[in-house]
Amino acid sequence: MQDTERETYMTLKKWVLETYFDFCRDRAVMDGWRHGEVLGAVEYHFDCASNPVEQIMTDVVRLGLRANWYPDTEKNARSIIQSRIDTYGGWEALLSDITEEEAKLLRQDIKSLKLIA
């Protein structure tokens, strides 16, 4: 069942990355925020999707922004993602519920982030 009432993975990824850039430019450069503060602001900004597929997708993109810089919060983020995936029915259920193009891109990212083998 492909949900047409939600944003695509590429759109969500674009929004998260644009927000990250904007916070780096506007808060880090202009206001002296540190990287962790920028990531925290991005986390807060995107931790409210009402659609569970969108939330998982934004979680994956935000995990990529951590780039292994914050092991403790990364471990927590991975746990949250896995819990949401388990609630959804597993990775295969999620991947089967999205378009083929999205599944290919998301699968590539989740493999790179070592969320699945």
N, C-alpha and C. Protein backbone atom coordinates (compact mmCIF):
# COMPACT_ATOMS: atom_id res chain seq x y z
N MET A 1 0.84 -1.17 0.00
CA MET A 1 0.00 0.00 0.00
C MET A 1 0.89 1.25 0.00
N GLN A 2 1.01 1.91 -1.10
CA GLN A 2 1.84 3.10 -1.19
C GLN A 2 1.02 4.32 -0.83
N ASP A 3 1.49 5.03 0.17
CA ASP A 3 0.79 6.18 0.72
C ASP A 3 1.07 7.42 -0.12
N THR A 4 0.05 7.95 -0.77
CA THR A 4 0.23 9.15 -1.59
C THR A 4 -0.01 10.43 -0.78
N GLU A 5 -0.42 10.31 0.46
CA GLU A 5 -0.70 11.46 1.31
C GLU A 5 0.50 11.81 2.19
N ARG A 6 1.69 11.63 1.67
CA ARG A 6 2.88 11.95 2.44
C ARG A 6 3.95 12.47 1.49
N GLU A 7 4.98 13.02 2.06
CA GLU A 7 6.11 13.51 1.26
C GLU A 7 7.02 12.35 0.90
N THR A 8 7.73 12.48 -0.21
CA THR A 8 8.65 11.44 -0.64
C THR A 8 9.93 11.49 0.19
N TYR A 9 10.67 10.39 0.15
CA TYR A 9 11.94 10.33 0.86
C TYR A 9 12.89 11.42 0.37
N MET A 10 12.99 11.61 -0.93
CA MET A 10 13.90 12.63 -1.46
C MET A 10 13.48 14.03 -1.02
N THR A 11 12.20 14.30 -0.96
CA THR A 11 11.73 15.62 -0.49
C THR A 11 12.09 15.82 0.97
N LEU A 12 11.83 14.81 1.79
CA LEU A 12 12.16 14.91 3.21
C LEU A 12 13.66 15.06 3.43
N LYS A 13 14.44 14.31 2.69
CA LYS A 13 15.90 14.39 2.79
C LYS A 13 16.36 15.80 2.41
N LYS A 14 15.80 16.33 1.35
CA LYS A 14 16.14 17.69 0.90
C LYS A 14 15.80 18.70 1.98
N TRP A 15 14.62 18.59 2.59
CA TRP A 15 14.22 19.53 3.63
C TRP A 15 15.14 19.47 4.84
N VAL A 16 15.48 18.25 5.28
CA VAL A 16 16.35 18.10 6.44
C VAL A 16 17.72 18.72 6.14
N LEU A 17 18.28 18.41 4.97
CA LEU A 17 19.60 18.93 4.62
C LEU A 17 19.58 20.45 4.44
N GLU A 18 18.52 20.98 3.86
CA GLU A 18 18.40 22.44 3.74
C GLU A 18 18.30 23.10 5.11
N THR A 19 17.56 22.49 6.01
CA THR A 19 17.42 23.03 7.36
C THR A 19 18.76 22.99 8.09
N TYR A 20 19.47 21.88 7.94
CA TYR A 20 20.80 21.75 8.53
C TYR A 20 21.71 22.87 8.02
N PHE A 21 21.73 23.08 6.71
CA PHE A 21 22.54 24.14 6.12
C PHE A 21 22.14 25.51 6.68
N ASP A 22 20.83 25.77 6.69
CA ASP A 22 20.34 27.06 7.18
C ASP A 22 20.75 27.29 8.63
N PHE A 23 20.63 26.27 9.48
CA PHE A 23 21.03 26.41 10.88
C PHE A 23 22.54 26.60 11.01
N CYS A 24 23.31 25.91 10.18
CA CYS A 24 24.76 26.11 10.20
C CYS A 24 25.10 27.55 9.81
N ARG A 25 24.47 28.04 8.77
CA ARG A 25 24.72 29.39 8.29
C ARG A 25 24.22 30.44 9.28
N ASP A 26 22.97 30.29 9.72
CA ASP A 26 22.33 31.33 10.52
C ASP A 26 22.64 31.25 12.00
N ARG A 27 22.83 30.06 12.51
CA ARG A 27 23.05 29.92 13.96
C ARG A 27 24.51 29.67 14.31
N ALA A 28 25.16 28.79 13.57
CA ALA A 28 26.55 28.49 13.88
C ALA A 28 27.46 29.66 13.50
N VAL A 29 27.35 30.13 12.28
CA VAL A 29 28.22 31.21 11.82
C VAL A 29 27.83 32.53 12.48
N MET A 30 26.56 32.85 12.45
CA MET A 30 26.11 34.16 12.92
C MET A 30 25.99 34.25 14.45
N ASP A 31 25.57 33.17 15.10
CA ASP A 31 25.32 33.21 16.54
C ASP A 31 26.30 32.39 17.38
N GLY A 32 27.23 31.69 16.71
CA GLY A 32 28.24 30.94 17.44
C GLY A 32 27.81 29.58 17.98
N TRP A 33 26.71 29.04 17.44
CA TRP A 33 26.28 27.72 17.89
C TRP A 33 27.34 26.68 17.53
N ARG A 34 27.44 25.65 18.35
CA ARG A 34 28.31 24.52 18.06
C ARG A 34 27.54 23.49 17.25
N HIS A 35 28.28 22.54 16.68
CA HIS A 35 27.66 21.54 15.81
C HIS A 35 26.55 20.77 16.52
N GLY A 36 26.79 20.37 17.76
CA GLY A 36 25.77 19.64 18.51
C GLY A 36 24.50 20.43 18.70
N GLU A 37 24.63 21.73 18.86
CA GLU A 37 23.45 22.58 19.00
C GLU A 37 22.67 22.66 17.68
N VAL A 38 23.41 22.73 16.58
CA VAL A 38 22.76 22.75 15.27
C VAL A 38 22.00 21.44 15.06
N LEU A 39 22.66 20.32 15.34
CA LEU A 39 21.99 19.02 15.18
C LEU A 39 20.77 18.92 16.08
N GLY A 40 20.88 19.42 17.30
CA GLY A 40 19.74 19.40 18.21
C GLY A 40 18.56 20.20 17.66
N ALA A 41 18.86 21.34 17.05
CA ALA A 41 17.79 22.16 16.46
C ALA A 41 17.14 21.45 15.28
N VAL A 42 17.95 20.77 14.47
CA VAL A 42 17.41 20.00 13.34
C VAL A 42 16.55 18.85 13.89
N GLU A 43 17.04 18.17 14.92
CA GLU A 43 16.28 17.08 15.54
C GLU A 43 14.91 17.60 15.99
N TYR A 44 14.91 18.70 16.71
CA TYR A 44 13.67 19.26 17.24
C TYR A 44 12.73 19.66 16.11
N HIS A 45 13.28 20.26 15.08
CA HIS A 45 12.47 20.75 13.95
C HIS A 45 11.75 19.62 13.22
N PHE A 46 12.37 18.43 13.16
CA PHE A 46 11.80 17.34 12.37
C PHE A 46 11.30 16.17 13.20
N ASP A 47 11.13 16.34 14.49
CA ASP A 47 10.67 15.24 15.33
C ASP A 47 9.18 15.33 15.60
N CYS A 48 8.41 15.62 14.55
CA CYS A 48 6.98 15.80 14.77
C CYS A 48 6.12 15.31 13.60
N ALA A 49 6.69 14.53 12.71
CA ALA A 49 5.90 14.05 11.57
C ALA A 49 4.75 13.19 12.06
N SER A 50 3.57 13.45 11.53
CA SER A 50 2.41 12.67 11.95
C SER A 50 2.35 11.32 11.22
N ASN A 51 2.98 11.25 10.07
CA ASN A 51 3.00 10.02 9.29
C ASN A 51 4.21 9.17 9.74
N PRO A 52 3.99 7.93 10.18
CA PRO A 52 5.11 7.12 10.68
C PRO A 52 6.19 6.86 9.63
N VAL A 53 5.83 6.76 8.37
CA VAL A 53 6.82 6.56 7.32
C VAL A 53 7.70 7.80 7.19
N GLU A 54 7.08 8.97 7.21
CA GLU A 54 7.85 10.22 7.13
C GLU A 54 8.78 10.35 8.33
N GLN A 55 8.30 9.97 9.52
CA GLN A 55 9.13 10.10 10.72
C GLN A 55 10.35 9.20 10.62
N ILE A 56 10.15 7.97 10.19
CA ILE A 56 11.29 7.05 10.03
C ILE A 56 12.27 7.59 9.00
N MET A 57 11.76 8.09 7.90
CA MET A 57 12.64 8.63 6.86
C MET A 57 13.45 9.81 7.36
N THR A 58 12.82 10.73 8.07
CA THR A 58 13.58 11.88 8.59
C THR A 58 14.56 11.42 9.67
N ASP A 59 14.19 10.41 10.44
CA ASP A 59 15.13 9.85 11.43
C ASP A 59 16.39 9.34 10.76
N VAL A 60 16.22 8.66 9.64
CA VAL A 60 17.37 8.10 8.91
C VAL A 60 18.28 9.22 8.41
N VAL A 61 17.70 10.26 7.84
CA VAL A 61 18.51 11.38 7.34
C VAL A 61 19.23 12.06 8.50
N ARG A 62 18.55 12.29 9.59
CA ARG A 62 19.17 12.95 10.74
C ARG A 62 20.29 12.09 11.32
N LEU A 63 20.12 10.78 11.30
CA LEU A 63 21.19 9.90 11.77
C LEU A 63 22.43 10.07 10.90
N GLY A 64 22.24 10.22 9.60
CA GLY A 64 23.36 10.44 8.70
C GLY A 64 24.13 11.72 9.02
N LEU A 65 23.43 12.74 9.50
CA LEU A 65 24.10 14.00 9.84
C LEU A 65 24.99 13.86 11.08
N ARG A 66 24.75 12.89 11.89
CA ARG A 66 25.56 12.69 13.09
C ARG A 66 26.97 12.23 12.75
N ALA A 67 27.12 11.54 11.64
CA ALA A 67 28.42 11.12 11.11
C ALA A 67 29.35 10.52 12.17
N ASN A 68 28.81 9.81 13.12
CA ASN A 68 29.59 9.14 14.16
C ASN A 68 30.33 10.11 15.08
N TRP A 69 29.92 11.38 15.11
CA TRP A 69 30.55 12.36 15.99
C TRP A 69 30.05 12.27 17.42
N TYR A 70 28.85 11.78 17.62
CA TYR A 70 28.23 11.77 18.94
C TYR A 70 27.75 10.35 19.26
N PRO A 71 28.66 9.46 19.69
CA PRO A 71 28.32 8.04 19.87
C PRO A 71 27.12 7.79 20.80
N ASP A 72 27.02 8.53 21.90
CA ASP A 72 25.92 8.29 22.83
C ASP A 72 24.57 8.64 22.22
N THR A 73 24.48 9.81 21.61
CA THR A 73 23.21 10.20 21.01
C THR A 73 22.92 9.39 19.75
N GLU A 74 23.99 8.97 19.06
CA GLU A 74 23.79 8.11 17.89
C GLU A 74 23.18 6.78 18.30
N LYS A 75 23.69 6.22 19.39
CA LYS A 75 23.15 4.94 19.89
C LYS A 75 21.66 5.11 20.22
N ASN A 76 21.32 6.20 20.87
CA ASN A 76 19.92 6.47 21.21
C ASN A 76 19.08 6.64 19.95
N ALA A 77 19.61 7.37 18.96
CA ALA A 77 18.88 7.58 17.70
C ALA A 77 18.63 6.26 16.99
N ARG A 78 19.64 5.39 16.98
CA ARG A 78 19.49 4.08 16.34
C ARG A 78 18.41 3.25 17.05
N SER A 79 18.39 3.34 18.37
CA SER A 79 17.39 2.62 19.15
C SER A 79 15.97 3.13 18.84
N ILE A 80 15.83 4.44 18.72
CA ILE A 80 14.53 5.03 18.40
C ILE A 80 14.08 4.59 17.01
N ILE A 81 15.00 4.64 16.05
CA ILE A 81 14.66 4.21 14.69
C ILE A 81 14.23 2.75 14.69
N GLN A 82 15.00 1.91 15.37
CA GLN A 82 14.66 0.48 15.38
C GLN A 82 13.30 0.24 16.04
N SER A 83 13.03 0.97 17.10
CA SER A 83 11.73 0.84 17.77
C SER A 83 10.59 1.25 16.84
N ARG A 84 10.78 2.33 16.12
CA ARG A 84 9.74 2.78 15.17
C ARG A 84 9.57 1.77 14.04
N ILE A 85 10.67 1.21 13.58
CA ILE A 85 10.60 0.21 12.52
C ILE A 85 9.90 -1.05 13.02
N ASP A 86 10.23 -1.48 14.22
CA ASP A 86 9.58 -2.66 14.80
C ASP A 86 8.08 -2.43 14.93
N THR A 87 7.69 -1.25 15.38
CA THR A 87 6.28 -0.90 15.51
C THR A 87 5.60 -0.92 14.14
N TYR A 88 6.33 -0.47 13.12
CA TYR A 88 5.79 -0.44 11.76
C TYR A 88 5.63 -1.83 11.17
N GLY A 89 6.45 -2.77 11.60
CA GLY A 89 6.38 -4.14 11.08
C GLY A 89 7.68 -4.61 10.46
N GLY A 90 8.74 -3.81 10.61
CA GLY A 90 10.05 -4.19 10.10
C GLY A 90 10.41 -3.42 8.84
N TRP A 91 11.70 -3.50 8.49
CA TRP A 91 12.20 -2.78 7.32
C TRP A 91 11.51 -3.23 6.04
N GLU A 92 11.33 -4.51 5.88
CA GLU A 92 10.72 -5.01 4.63
C GLU A 92 9.29 -4.50 4.48
N ALA A 93 8.56 -4.40 5.58
CA ALA A 93 7.20 -3.85 5.51
C ALA A 93 7.24 -2.39 5.06
N LEU A 94 8.17 -1.64 5.63
CA LEU A 94 8.30 -0.24 5.24
C LEU A 94 8.70 -0.12 3.77
N LEU A 95 9.70 -0.86 3.37
CA LEU A 95 10.19 -0.77 1.99
C LEU A 95 9.14 -1.22 0.98
N SER A 96 8.29 -2.14 1.39
CA SER A 96 7.25 -2.59 0.46
C SER A 96 6.08 -1.60 0.38
N ASP A 97 6.00 -0.69 1.34
CA ASP A 97 4.91 0.29 1.37
C ASP A 97 5.26 1.62 0.70
N ILE A 98 6.46 1.72 0.15
CA ILE A 98 6.86 2.96 -0.51
C ILE A 98 7.18 2.65 -1.98
N THR A 99 7.33 3.70 -2.77
CA THR A 99 7.59 3.48 -4.18
C THR A 99 8.93 2.77 -4.38
N GLU A 100 9.08 2.16 -5.52
CA GLU A 100 10.32 1.43 -5.83
C GLU A 100 11.53 2.36 -5.80
N GLU A 101 11.37 3.55 -6.36
CA GLU A 101 12.46 4.53 -6.38
C GLU A 101 12.86 4.93 -4.96
N GLU A 102 11.85 5.21 -4.11
CA GLU A 102 12.13 5.56 -2.72
C GLU A 102 12.80 4.40 -1.99
N ALA A 103 12.30 3.21 -2.21
CA ALA A 103 12.85 2.04 -1.53
C ALA A 103 14.32 1.86 -1.88
N LYS A 104 14.66 2.08 -3.14
CA LYS A 104 16.05 1.94 -3.57
C LYS A 104 16.94 2.95 -2.85
N LEU A 105 16.51 4.21 -2.81
CA LEU A 105 17.29 5.26 -2.16
C LEU A 105 17.38 5.07 -0.65
N LEU A 106 16.25 4.74 -0.04
CA LEU A 106 16.23 4.52 1.40
C LEU A 106 17.07 3.30 1.78
N ARG A 107 16.95 2.23 1.01
CA ARG A 107 17.74 1.02 1.28
C ARG A 107 19.23 1.34 1.21
N GLN A 108 19.63 2.13 0.23
CA GLN A 108 21.04 2.51 0.10
C GLN A 108 21.49 3.27 1.36
N ASP A 109 20.68 4.21 1.83
CA ASP A 109 21.05 4.99 3.01
C ASP A 109 21.06 4.14 4.27
N ILE A 110 20.06 3.29 4.45
CA ILE A 110 20.03 2.50 5.69
C ILE A 110 21.14 1.45 5.71
N LYS A 111 21.56 0.98 4.54
CA LYS A 111 22.72 0.08 4.49
C LYS A 111 24.00 0.85 4.81
N SER A 112 24.15 2.04 4.26
CA SER A 112 25.34 2.86 4.53
C SER A 112 25.45 3.20 6.01
N LEU A 113 24.31 3.41 6.65
CA LEU A 113 24.28 3.74 8.08
C LEU A 113 24.32 2.49 8.97
N LYS A 114 24.39 1.34 8.34
CA LYS A 114 24.46 0.04 9.02
C LYS A 114 23.25 -0.21 9.91
N LEU A 115 22.09 0.23 9.41
CA LEU A 115 20.84 -0.10 10.10
C LEU A 115 20.33 -1.47 9.67
N ILE A 116 20.71 -1.89 8.46
CA ILE A 116 20.45 -3.25 7.99
C ILE A 116 21.70 -3.74 7.27
N ALA A 117 21.80 -5.05 7.13
CA ALA A 117 22.98 -5.64 6.46
C ALA A 117 22.85 -5.56 4.97
